[in-house]
């Protein structure tokens, strides 16, 4: 399981009005002003997310990842250093994991395909596939750039999204159907408090509305964007908990970001070039899912 886990680890709006008065929101740490207390509609959430995502065309951050899972041998824990970067709003991605200075996995994507290097596998291997085709035999069966970006709340939401009823904690689900399903994933939804906020949670559902994967997003931190004043920097989750399904016993991944921004050193072109990466990683086995039948 460890090789699949490592592969997955590598295989995310500011209101300009200063409040005149505030009231406490049911979710701790959230405050509302009178203008924000008005009931929003789905379009308000969609447009606010779009404005936020437009400032996240470039992104790079180092951090750490912690994995916990339980099997017949008991409870387990793994930790790794991670580095996540993307260009063009996620059209090109790079996600790396190292442990004790040793590379354990490296994944990425360009507009046409995704890839996962597993240097610790026996033999070492590279798996590639077209965008929109899920990775198989992974700890997350549909792991890929689209699902990663969705779970990080780093993708735009379509205008056809719908807004659910207010939940007891004051949040609401914003929900939409994918125009092109990816594997079993056909529906996405994000639990929101106010338009422009970072979502509290994101869930990916199948056609029967079963939860395939979920994320809990907390500790919002600003992403330093060159050319924007600090007050206009978008937020990303400093802590993201990822889980397959909703089973409390399922494996969970905690990702902790460290000072995200648009550091050019972390966004070098060669990090997103598969030909260059092949020369560096030298995998012994290459599997191309684009040339195979898919379930």
C-alpha atoms as a PDB file:
ATOM      1  CA  UNK A   1       0.000   0.000   0.000  1.00  0.00           C
ATOM      2  CA  UNK A   2       2.893   2.355   0.764  1.00  0.00           C
ATOM      3  CA  UNK A   3       3.869   2.784  -2.897  1.00  0.00           C
ATOM      4  CA  UNK A   4       0.303   3.682  -3.814  1.00  0.00           C
ATOM      5  CA  UNK A   5       0.138   6.087  -0.875  1.00  0.00           C
ATOM      6  CA  UNK A   6       3.364   7.810  -1.863  1.00  0.00           C
ATOM      7  CA  UNK A   7       2.132   8.141  -5.436  1.00  0.00           C
ATOM      8  CA  UNK A   8      -1.071   9.754  -4.325  1.00  0.00           C
ATOM      9  CA  UNK A   9       0.681  12.184  -1.970  1.00  0.00           C
ATOM     10  CA  UNK A  10       2.238  13.780  -4.986  1.00  0.00           C
ATOM     11  CA  UNK A  11      -0.827  12.252  -7.457  1.00  0.00           C
ATOM     12  CA  UNK A  12      -5.961  25.177  -4.524  1.00  0.00           C
ATOM     13  CA  UNK A  13     -11.458  37.220  -2.231  1.00  0.00           C
ATOM     14  CA  UNK A  14     -11.214  39.907  -0.554  1.00  0.00           C
ATOM     15  CA  UNK A  15     -14.064  42.266   0.389  1.00  0.00           C
ATOM     16  CA  UNK A  16     -12.981  45.876   0.015  1.00  0.00           C
ATOM     17  CA  UNK A  17     -15.663  47.184   2.374  1.00  0.00           C
ATOM     18  CA  UNK A  18     -14.629  47.798   5.956  1.00  0.00           C
ATOM     19  CA  UNK A  19     -17.334  46.610   8.374  1.00  0.00           C
ATOM     20  CA  UNK A  20     -19.104  49.177  10.480  1.00  0.00           C
ATOM     21  CA  UNK A  21     -20.292  46.571  12.975  1.00  0.00           C
ATOM     22  CA  UNK A  22     -19.798  42.868  13.398  1.00  0.00           C
ATOM     23  CA  UNK A  23     -21.732  39.930  14.732  1.00  0.00           C
ATOM     24  CA  UNK A  24     -20.502  36.492  15.722  1.00  0.00           C
ATOM     25  CA  UNK A  25     -21.061  33.666  13.234  1.00  0.00           C
ATOM     26  CA  UNK A  26     -21.979  30.136  14.396  1.00  0.00           C
ATOM     27  CA  UNK A  27     -18.651  28.822  13.025  1.00  0.00           C
ATOM     28  CA  UNK A  28     -15.848  29.916  15.399  1.00  0.00           C
ATOM     29  CA  UNK A  29     -13.559  32.588  14.041  1.00  0.00           C
ATOM     30  CA  UNK A  30     -16.031  33.868  11.419  1.00  0.00           C
ATOM     31  CA  UNK A  31     -17.574  37.307  11.795  1.00  0.00           C
ATOM     32  CA  UNK A  32     -20.218  38.943   9.668  1.00  0.00           C
ATOM     33  CA  UNK A  33     -21.137  42.551   9.031  1.00  0.00           C
ATOM     34  CA  UNK A  34     -24.684  43.715   8.229  1.00  0.00           C
ATOM     35  CA  UNK A  35     -24.140  43.683   4.452  1.00  0.00           C
ATOM     36  CA  UNK A  36     -22.788  40.129   4.568  1.00  0.00           C
ATOM     37  CA  UNK A  37     -25.726  38.945   6.677  1.00  0.00           C
ATOM     38  CA  UNK A  38     -28.052  39.158   3.661  1.00  0.00           C
ATOM     39  CA  UNK A  39     -28.888  35.746   2.239  1.00  0.00           C
ATOM     40  CA  UNK A  40     -26.647  35.162  -0.821  1.00  0.00           C
ATOM     41  CA  UNK A  41     -27.587  33.173  -3.908  1.00  0.00           C
ATOM     42  CA  UNK A  42     -25.565  30.537  -5.775  1.00  0.00           C
ATOM     43  CA  UNK A  43     -24.266  33.061  -8.290  1.00  0.00           C
ATOM     44  CA  UNK A  44     -22.695  35.137  -5.511  1.00  0.00           C
ATOM     45  CA  UNK A  45     -20.649  32.114  -4.405  1.00  0.00           C
ATOM     46  CA  UNK A  46     -19.695  31.163  -7.975  1.00  0.00           C
ATOM     47  CA  UNK A  47     -18.556  34.667  -8.919  1.00  0.00           C
ATOM     48  CA  UNK A  48     -16.589  35.132  -5.698  1.00  0.00           C
ATOM     49  CA  UNK A  49     -14.831  31.802  -6.259  1.00  0.00           C
ATOM     50  CA  UNK A  50     -14.029  32.862  -9.824  1.00  0.00           C
ATOM     51  CA  UNK A  51     -12.436  36.105  -8.648  1.00  0.00           C
ATOM     52  CA  UNK A  52     -10.399  34.189  -6.079  1.00  0.00           C
ATOM     53  CA  UNK A  53      -9.207  31.589  -8.591  1.00  0.00           C
ATOM     54  CA  UNK A  54      -8.199  34.245 -11.124  1.00  0.00           C
ATOM     55  CA  UNK A  55      -5.508  35.348  -8.657  1.00  0.00           C
ATOM     56  CA  UNK A  56      -4.210  31.766  -8.332  1.00  0.00           C
ATOM     57  CA  UNK A  57      -2.920  31.261 -11.881  1.00  0.00           C
ATOM     58  CA  UNK A  58       0.495  30.604 -10.352  1.00  0.00           C
ATOM     59  CA  UNK A  59       1.080  28.812  -7.063  1.00  0.00           C
ATOM     60  CA  UNK A  60       4.006  27.238  -5.238  1.00  0.00           C
ATOM     61  CA  UNK A  61       4.470  26.056  -1.680  1.00  0.00           C
ATOM     62  CA  UNK A  62       6.573  23.714   0.366  1.00  0.00           C
ATOM     63  CA  UNK A  63       5.085  21.864   3.292  1.00  0.00           C
ATOM     64  CA  UNK A  64       4.691  18.509   4.951  1.00  0.00           C
ATOM     65  CA  UNK A  65       2.314  15.600   4.694  1.00  0.00           C
ATOM     66  CA  UNK A  66       1.177  13.112   7.318  1.00  0.00           C
ATOM     67  CA  UNK A  67      -0.583   9.869   6.440  1.00  0.00           C
ATOM     68  CA  UNK A  68      -2.527   7.686   8.862  1.00  0.00           C
ATOM     69  CA  UNK A  69      -4.220   4.395   8.014  1.00  0.00           C
ATOM     70  CA  UNK A  70      -5.343   1.173   9.647  1.00  0.00           C
ATOM     71  CA  UNK A  71      -5.118  -2.359   8.264  1.00  0.00           C
ATOM     72  CA  UNK A  72      -4.920  -5.908   9.577  1.00  0.00           C
ATOM     73  CA  UNK A  73      -1.479  -5.142  11.026  1.00  0.00           C
ATOM     74  CA  UNK A  74      -2.801  -2.226  13.079  1.00  0.00           C
ATOM     75  CA  UNK A  75      -2.454   1.553  12.892  1.00  0.00           C
ATOM     76  CA  UNK A  76       0.258   3.197  10.791  1.00  0.00           C
ATOM     77  CA  UNK A  77       1.778   6.627  10.336  1.00  0.00           C
ATOM     78  CA  UNK A  78       4.007   8.047   7.580  1.00  0.00           C
ATOM     79  CA  UNK A  79       5.423  11.549   7.151  1.00  0.00           C
ATOM     80  CA  UNK A  80       7.038  13.271   4.168  1.00  0.00           C
ATOM     81  CA  UNK A  81       8.111  16.685   2.964  1.00  0.00           C
ATOM     82  CA  UNK A  82       6.019  17.854   0.022  1.00  0.00           C
ATOM     83  CA  UNK A  83       6.233  20.561  -2.605  1.00  0.00           C
ATOM     84  CA  UNK A  84       3.236  21.609  -4.693  1.00  0.00           C
ATOM     85  CA  UNK A  85       3.297  23.986  -7.652  1.00  0.00           C
ATOM     86  CA  UNK A  86       1.163  24.810 -10.641  1.00  0.00           C
ATOM     87  CA  UNK A  87       1.033  27.165 -13.619  1.00  0.00           C
ATOM     88  CA  UNK A  88      -1.841  28.310 -15.823  1.00  0.00           C
ATOM     89  CA  UNK A  89      -4.415  27.698 -13.119  1.00  0.00           C
ATOM     90  CA  UNK A  90      -3.469  24.023 -12.757  1.00  0.00           C
ATOM     91  CA  UNK A  91      -3.044  23.144 -16.421  1.00  0.00           C
ATOM     92  CA  UNK A  92       0.558  22.363 -15.507  1.00  0.00           C
ATOM     93  CA  UNK A  93       1.277  20.854 -12.109  1.00  0.00           C
ATOM     94  CA  UNK A  94       4.132  19.399 -10.077  1.00  0.00           C
ATOM     95  CA  UNK A  95       3.733  17.556  -6.769  1.00  0.00           C
ATOM     96  CA  UNK A  96       6.752  15.987  -5.066  1.00  0.00           C
ATOM     97  CA  UNK A  97       7.290  14.013  -1.876  1.00  0.00           C
ATOM     98  CA  UNK A  98      10.597  13.362  -0.093  1.00  0.00           C
ATOM     99  CA  UNK A  99      11.422  11.500   3.083  1.00  0.00           C
ATOM    100  CA  UNK A 100      14.724  11.953   4.912  1.00  0.00           C
ATOM    101  CA  UNK A 101      16.149  13.623   1.810  1.00  0.00           C
ATOM    102  CA  UNK A 102      15.128  10.751  -0.487  1.00  0.00           C
ATOM    103  CA  UNK A 103      12.602  11.193  -3.288  1.00  0.00           C
ATOM    104  CA  UNK A 104       9.659   8.822  -2.816  1.00  0.00           C
ATOM    105  CA  UNK A 105       7.262  10.137  -5.470  1.00  0.00           C
ATOM    106  CA  UNK A 106       6.825  12.837  -8.089  1.00  0.00           C
ATOM    107  CA  UNK A 107       3.612  13.558  -9.953  1.00  0.00           C
ATOM    108  CA  UNK A 108       2.549  16.243 -12.382  1.00  0.00           C
ATOM    109  CA  UNK A 109       0.551  17.203 -15.421  1.00  0.00           C
ATOM    110  CA  UNK A 110       0.509  19.321 -18.547  1.00  0.00           C
ATOM    111  CA  UNK A 111      -2.593  20.245 -20.586  1.00  0.00           C
ATOM    112  CA  UNK A 112      -2.633  16.846 -22.337  1.00  0.00           C
ATOM    113  CA  UNK A 113      -1.600  14.299 -19.715  1.00  0.00           C
ATOM    114  CA  UNK A 114      -0.669  13.509 -16.117  1.00  0.00           C
ATOM    115  CA  UNK A 115       2.168  11.408 -14.729  1.00  0.00           C
ATOM    116  CA  UNK A 116       3.251   9.676 -11.526  1.00  0.00           C
ATOM    117  CA  UNK A 117       6.853   8.599 -10.897  1.00  0.00           C
ATOM    118  CA  UNK A 118       7.362   5.944  -8.211  1.00  0.00           C
ATOM    119  CA  UNK A 119      11.135   5.671  -7.748  1.00  0.00           C
ATOM    120  CA  UNK A 120      10.856   3.376  -4.679  1.00  0.00           C
ATOM    121  CA  UNK A 121       8.749   0.766  -6.466  1.00  0.00           C
ATOM    122  CA  UNK A 122      10.435  -2.484  -7.494  1.00  0.00           C
ATOM    123  CA  UNK A 123      11.114  -1.904 -10.349  1.00  0.00           C
ATOM    124  CA  UNK A 124      10.869   1.893 -10.393  1.00  0.00           C
ATOM    125  CA  UNK A 125       8.028   3.024 -12.618  1.00  0.00           C
ATOM    126  CA  UNK A 126       6.318   5.869 -14.396  1.00  0.00           C
ATOM    127  CA  UNK A 127       2.567   5.865 -15.049  1.00  0.00           C
ATOM    128  CA  UNK A 128       1.013   8.331 -17.498  1.00  0.00           C
ATOM    129  CA  UNK A 129      -2.524   8.969 -18.691  1.00  0.00           C
ATOM    130  CA  UNK A 130      -4.632  11.521 -20.566  1.00  0.00           C
ATOM    131  CA  UNK A 131      -6.248  14.360 -18.633  1.00  0.00           C
ATOM    132  CA  UNK A 132      -9.701  13.256 -17.584  1.00  0.00           C
ATOM    133  CA  UNK A 133      -8.722   9.570 -17.260  1.00  0.00           C
ATOM    134  CA  UNK A 134      -8.295   8.517 -13.609  1.00  0.00           C
ATOM    135  CA  UNK A 135      -5.167   6.863 -12.290  1.00  0.00           C
ATOM    136  CA  UNK A 136      -5.776   3.215 -11.391  1.00  0.00           C
ATOM    137  CA  UNK A 137      -4.242   1.144  -8.596  1.00  0.00           C
ATOM    138  CA  UNK A 138      -3.794   4.281  -6.528  1.00  0.00           C
ATOM    139  CA  UNK A 139      -4.718   4.805  -2.892  1.00  0.00           C
ATOM    140  CA  UNK A 140      -7.290   7.197  -4.341  1.00  0.00           C
ATOM    141  CA  UNK A 141      -8.744   5.465  -7.422  1.00  0.00           C
ATOM    142  CA  UNK A 142      -9.352   8.634  -9.436  1.00  0.00           C
ATOM    143  CA  UNK A 143      -6.307  10.618  -8.271  1.00  0.00           C
ATOM    144  CA  UNK A 144      -5.338  13.209 -10.863  1.00  0.00           C
ATOM    145  CA  UNK A 145      -4.859  16.940 -11.377  1.00  0.00           C
ATOM    146  CA  UNK A 146      -8.559  17.763 -11.633  1.00  0.00           C
ATOM    147  CA  UNK A 147      -9.517  16.032  -8.394  1.00  0.00           C
ATOM    148  CA  UNK A 148      -6.513  17.458  -6.534  1.00  0.00           C
ATOM    149  CA  UNK A 149      -7.414  21.010  -7.599  1.00  0.00           C
ATOM    150  CA  UNK A 150     -11.082  20.465  -6.724  1.00  0.00           C
ATOM    151  CA  UNK A 151     -10.298  19.145  -3.247  1.00  0.00           C
ATOM    152  CA  UNK A 152      -8.008  22.135  -2.641  1.00  0.00           C
ATOM    153  CA  UNK A 153     -10.848  24.491  -3.714  1.00  0.00           C
ATOM    154  CA  UNK A 154      -8.555  25.772  -6.467  1.00  0.00           C
ATOM    155  CA  UNK A 155     -10.903  25.350  -9.465  1.00  0.00           C
ATOM    156  CA  UNK A 156     -13.641  27.629 -10.750  1.00  0.00           C
ATOM    157  CA  UNK A 157     -17.234  26.558 -10.199  1.00  0.00           C
ATOM    158  CA  UNK A 158     -19.768  26.535 -13.063  1.00  0.00           C
ATOM    159  CA  UNK A 159     -22.612  29.039 -13.291  1.00  0.00           C
ATOM    160  CA  UNK A 160     -25.128  26.182 -13.117  1.00  0.00           C
ATOM    161  CA  UNK A 161     -24.211  25.499  -9.477  1.00  0.00           C
ATOM    162  CA  UNK A 162     -27.034  25.300  -6.954  1.00  0.00           C
ATOM    163  CA  UNK A 163     -27.164  26.491  -3.345  1.00  0.00           C
ATOM    164  CA  UNK A 164     -28.476  24.267  -0.574  1.00  0.00           C
ATOM    165  CA  UNK A 165     -30.388  25.159   2.549  1.00  0.00           C
ATOM    166  CA  UNK A 166     -28.551  26.675   5.482  1.00  0.00           C
ATOM    167  CA  UNK A 167     -27.121  24.046   7.839  1.00  0.00           C
ATOM    168  CA  UNK A 168     -27.288  24.305  11.649  1.00  0.00           C
ATOM    169  CA  UNK A 169     -23.753  25.743  11.788  1.00  0.00           C
ATOM    170  CA  UNK A 170     -24.672  28.497   9.319  1.00  0.00           C
ATOM    171  CA  UNK A 171     -22.893  27.024   6.295  1.00  0.00           C
ATOM    172  CA  UNK A 172     -24.410  25.881   2.972  1.00  0.00           C
ATOM    173  CA  UNK A 173     -23.478  23.415   0.250  1.00  0.00           C
ATOM    174  CA  UNK A 174     -22.770  24.837  -3.200  1.00  0.00           C
ATOM    175  CA  UNK A 175     -23.177  21.925  -5.643  1.00  0.00           C
ATOM    176  CA  UNK A 176     -22.632  21.286  -9.346  1.00  0.00           C
ATOM    177  CA  UNK A 177     -22.431  18.423 -11.846  1.00  0.00           C
ATOM    178  CA  UNK A 178     -19.260  17.909 -13.887  1.00  0.00           C
ATOM    179  CA  UNK A 179     -19.683  18.529 -17.601  1.00  0.00           C
ATOM    180  CA  UNK A 180     -17.431  15.499 -18.218  1.00  0.00           C
ATOM    181  CA  UNK A 181     -17.289  12.855 -15.451  1.00  0.00           C
ATOM    182  CA  UNK A 182     -13.845  11.578 -14.442  1.00  0.00           C
ATOM    183  CA  UNK A 183     -14.135   7.914 -13.594  1.00  0.00           C
ATOM    184  CA  UNK A 184     -16.948   7.579 -11.051  1.00  0.00           C
ATOM    185  CA  UNK A 185     -16.689  11.243 -10.048  1.00  0.00           C
ATOM    186  CA  UNK A 186     -19.674  13.144 -11.458  1.00  0.00           C
ATOM    187  CA  UNK A 187     -20.691  15.709  -8.790  1.00  0.00           C
ATOM    188  CA  UNK A 188     -18.777  18.216  -6.663  1.00  0.00           C
ATOM    189  CA  UNK A 189     -19.899  20.308  -3.746  1.00  0.00           C
ATOM    190  CA  UNK A 190     -18.273  22.803  -1.388  1.00  0.00           C
ATOM    191  CA  UNK A 191     -19.511  23.791   2.057  1.00  0.00           C
ATOM    192  CA  UNK A 192     -19.400  27.569   2.385  1.00  0.00           C
ATOM    193  CA  UNK A 193     -20.175  30.254   4.931  1.00  0.00           C
ATOM    194  CA  UNK A 194     -19.989  33.440   2.854  1.00  0.00           C
ATOM    195  CA  UNK A 195     -19.126  34.194  -0.793  1.00  0.00           C
ATOM    196  CA  UNK A 196     -15.387  34.690  -1.164  1.00  0.00           C
ATOM    197  CA  UNK A 197     -14.490  32.636   1.902  1.00  0.00           C
ATOM    198  CA  UNK A 198     -12.322  29.562   1.694  1.00  0.00           C
ATOM    199  CA  UNK A 199     -14.667  26.543   1.729  1.00  0.00           C
ATOM    200  CA  UNK A 200     -14.930  24.631   4.980  1.00  0.00           C
ATOM    201  CA  UNK A 201     -15.057  21.315   3.097  1.00  0.00           C
ATOM    202  CA  UNK A 202     -15.207  19.860  -0.416  1.00  0.00           C
ATOM    203  CA  UNK A 203     -16.716  16.517  -1.440  1.00  0.00           C
ATOM    204  CA  UNK A 204     -16.514  14.541  -4.690  1.00  0.00           C
ATOM    205  CA  UNK A 205     -19.570  12.336  -5.343  1.00  0.00           C
ATOM    206  CA  UNK A 206     -20.559   9.615  -7.778  1.00  0.00           C
ATOM    207  CA  UNK A 207     -23.844   9.441  -9.674  1.00  0.00           C
ATOM    208  CA  UNK A 208     -25.519   7.745  -6.688  1.00  0.00           C
ATOM    209  CA  UNK A 209     -24.314  10.596  -4.460  1.00  0.00           C
ATOM    210  CA  UNK A 210     -21.854   8.393  -2.600  1.00  0.00           C
ATOM    211  CA  UNK A 211     -18.835  10.360  -1.358  1.00  0.00           C
ATOM    212  CA  UNK A 212     -15.686   9.239  -3.181  1.00  0.00           C
ATOM    213  CA  UNK A 213     -13.316  11.659  -1.454  1.00  0.00           C
ATOM    214  CA  UNK A 214     -13.517  14.661   0.823  1.00  0.00           C
ATOM    215  CA  UNK A 215     -11.339  17.459   2.117  1.00  0.00           C
ATOM    216  CA  UNK A 216     -11.538  19.565   5.253  1.00  0.00           C
ATOM    217  CA  UNK A 217      -9.955  23.000   4.749  1.00  0.00           C
ATOM    218  CA  UNK A 218      -8.775  25.021   7.725  1.00  0.00           C
ATOM    219  CA  UNK A 219      -6.199  27.585   8.839  1.00  0.00           C
ATOM    220  CA  UNK A 220      -6.581  29.985   5.879  1.00  0.00           C
ATOM    221  CA  UNK A 221      -3.297  31.618   4.926  1.00  0.00           C
ATOM    222  CA  UNK A 222      -2.692  34.273   2.244  1.00  0.00           C
ATOM    223  CA  UNK A 223      -0.859  33.356  -0.948  1.00  0.00           C
ATOM    224  CA  UNK A 224       1.675  36.055  -1.768  1.00  0.00           C
ATOM    225  CA  UNK A 225       0.971  37.049  -5.378  1.00  0.00           C
ATOM    226  CA  UNK A 226       3.468  39.285  -7.140  1.00  0.00           C
ATOM    227  CA  UNK A 227       1.829  42.430  -8.463  1.00  0.00           C
ATOM    228  CA  UNK A 228      -1.036  42.416  -5.953  1.00  0.00           C
ATOM    229  CA  UNK A 229      -1.169  44.354  -2.667  1.00  0.00           C
ATOM    230  CA  UNK A 230      -1.275  42.156   0.459  1.00  0.00           C
ATOM    231  CA  UNK A 231      -4.944  42.964   1.036  1.00  0.00           C
ATOM    232  CA  UNK A 232      -5.817  41.342  -2.313  1.00  0.00           C
ATOM    233  CA  UNK A 233      -3.884  38.099  -1.809  1.00  0.00           C
ATOM    234  CA  UNK A 234      -6.152  35.019  -2.047  1.00  0.00           C
ATOM    235  CA  UNK A 235      -6.354  32.501   0.773  1.00  0.00           C
ATOM    236  CA  UNK A 236      -5.509  28.821   0.616  1.00  0.00           C
ATOM    237  CA  UNK A 237      -5.948  26.261   3.371  1.00  0.00           C
ATOM    238  CA  UNK A 238      -2.838  26.071   5.523  1.00  0.00           C
ATOM    239  CA  UNK A 239      -4.094  22.672   6.684  1.00  0.00           C
ATOM    240  CA  UNK A 240      -5.974  20.260   4.428  1.00  0.00           C
ATOM    241  CA  UNK A 241      -7.269  16.873   5.559  1.00  0.00           C
ATOM    242  CA  UNK A 242      -8.029  14.491   2.714  1.00  0.00           C
ATOM    243  CA  UNK A 243     -10.023  11.306   3.097  1.00  0.00           C
ATOM    244  CA  UNK A 244     -11.297   8.628   0.784  1.00  0.00           C
ATOM    245  CA  UNK A 245     -15.053   8.467   1.303  1.00  0.00           C
ATOM    246  CA  UNK A 246     -16.472   9.294   4.726  1.00  0.00           C
ATOM    247  CA  UNK A 247     -15.310   6.202   6.577  1.00  0.00           C
ATOM    248  CA  UNK A 248     -13.620   7.235   9.829  1.00  0.00           C
ATOM    249  CA  UNK A 249     -11.316   4.222   9.460  1.00  0.00           C
ATOM    250  CA  UNK A 250     -10.213   5.190   5.943  1.00  0.00           C
ATOM    251  CA  UNK A 251      -6.723   6.526   5.357  1.00  0.00           C
ATOM    252  CA  UNK A 252      -6.367  10.254   5.940  1.00  0.00           C
ATOM    253  CA  UNK A 253      -3.752  12.670   4.627  1.00  0.00           C
ATOM    254  CA  UNK A 254      -2.974  15.933   6.406  1.00  0.00           C
ATOM    255  CA  UNK A 255      -1.170  18.478   4.234  1.00  0.00           C
ATOM    256  CA  UNK A 256       0.440  21.518   5.890  1.00  0.00           C
ATOM    257  CA  UNK A 257       1.527  24.365   3.588  1.00  0.00           C
ATOM    258  CA  UNK A 258       4.394  26.679   4.438  1.00  0.00           C
ATOM    259  CA  UNK A 259       4.440  30.278   3.093  1.00  0.00           C
ATOM    260  CA  UNK A 260       2.706  29.729  -0.281  1.00  0.00           C
ATOM    261  CA  UNK A 261       3.371  32.251  -3.035  1.00  0.00           C
ATOM    262  CA  UNK A 262       4.657  32.639  -6.582  1.00  0.00           C
ATOM    263  CA  UNK A 263       8.376  32.111  -5.983  1.00  0.00           C
ATOM    264  CA  UNK A 264       9.958  31.801  -9.481  1.00  0.00           C
ATOM    265  CA  UNK A 265      12.505  29.267  -8.178  1.00  0.00           C
ATOM    266  CA  UNK A 266       9.665  26.886  -7.349  1.00  0.00           C
ATOM    267  CA  UNK A 267       7.979  27.460 -10.728  1.00  0.00           C
ATOM    268  CA  UNK A 268      10.829  26.639 -13.092  1.00  0.00           C
ATOM    269  CA  UNK A 269       9.715  25.299 -16.461  1.00  0.00           C
ATOM    270  CA  UNK A 270      11.610  22.019 -16.153  1.00  0.00           C
ATOM    271  CA  UNK A 271       9.463  21.003 -13.171  1.00  0.00           C
ATOM    272  CA  UNK A 272       6.495  20.696 -15.555  1.00  0.00           C
ATOM    273  CA  UNK A 273       8.318  19.049 -18.502  1.00  0.00           C
ATOM    274  CA  UNK A 274       7.821  15.273 -18.666  1.00  0.00           C
ATOM    275  CA  UNK A 275      10.725  14.747 -21.072  1.00  0.00           C
ATOM    276  CA  UNK A 276      13.111  16.464 -18.664  1.00  0.00           C
ATOM    277  CA  UNK A 277      11.716  14.543 -15.695  1.00  0.00           C
ATOM    278  CA  UNK A 278      12.228  11.206 -17.465  1.00  0.00           C
ATOM    279  CA  UNK A 279      15.907  12.019 -17.921  1.00  0.00           C
ATOM    280  CA  UNK A 280      16.221  12.859 -14.213  1.00  0.00           C
ATOM    281  CA  UNK A 281      14.143  10.010 -12.754  1.00  0.00           C
ATOM    282  CA  UNK A 282      15.055   7.249 -15.276  1.00  0.00           C
ATOM    283  CA  UNK A 283      12.109   4.893 -14.534  1.00  0.00           C
ATOM    284  CA  UNK A 284      12.649   1.199 -15.348  1.00  0.00           C
ATOM    285  CA  UNK A 285       9.003   0.599 -16.311  1.00  0.00           C
ATOM    286  CA  UNK A 286       6.651   2.989 -18.142  1.00  0.00           C
ATOM    287  CA  UNK A 287       2.886   2.408 -18.198  1.00  0.00           C
ATOM    288  CA  UNK A 288       0.669   4.526 -20.452  1.00  0.00           C
ATOM    289  CA  UNK A 289      -3.022   4.311 -19.523  1.00  0.00           C
ATOM    290  CA  UNK A 290      -3.888   6.137 -22.715  1.00  0.00           C
ATOM    291  CA  UNK A 291      -2.989   3.002 -24.692  1.00  0.00           C
ATOM    292  CA  UNK A 292      -5.037   0.681 -22.457  1.00  0.00           C
ATOM    293  CA  UNK A 293      -8.738   0.078 -22.014  1.00  0.00           C
ATOM    294  CA  UNK A 294     -10.292   1.840 -19.031  1.00  0.00           C
ATOM    295  CA  UNK A 295     -12.887   0.695 -16.586  1.00  0.00           C
END
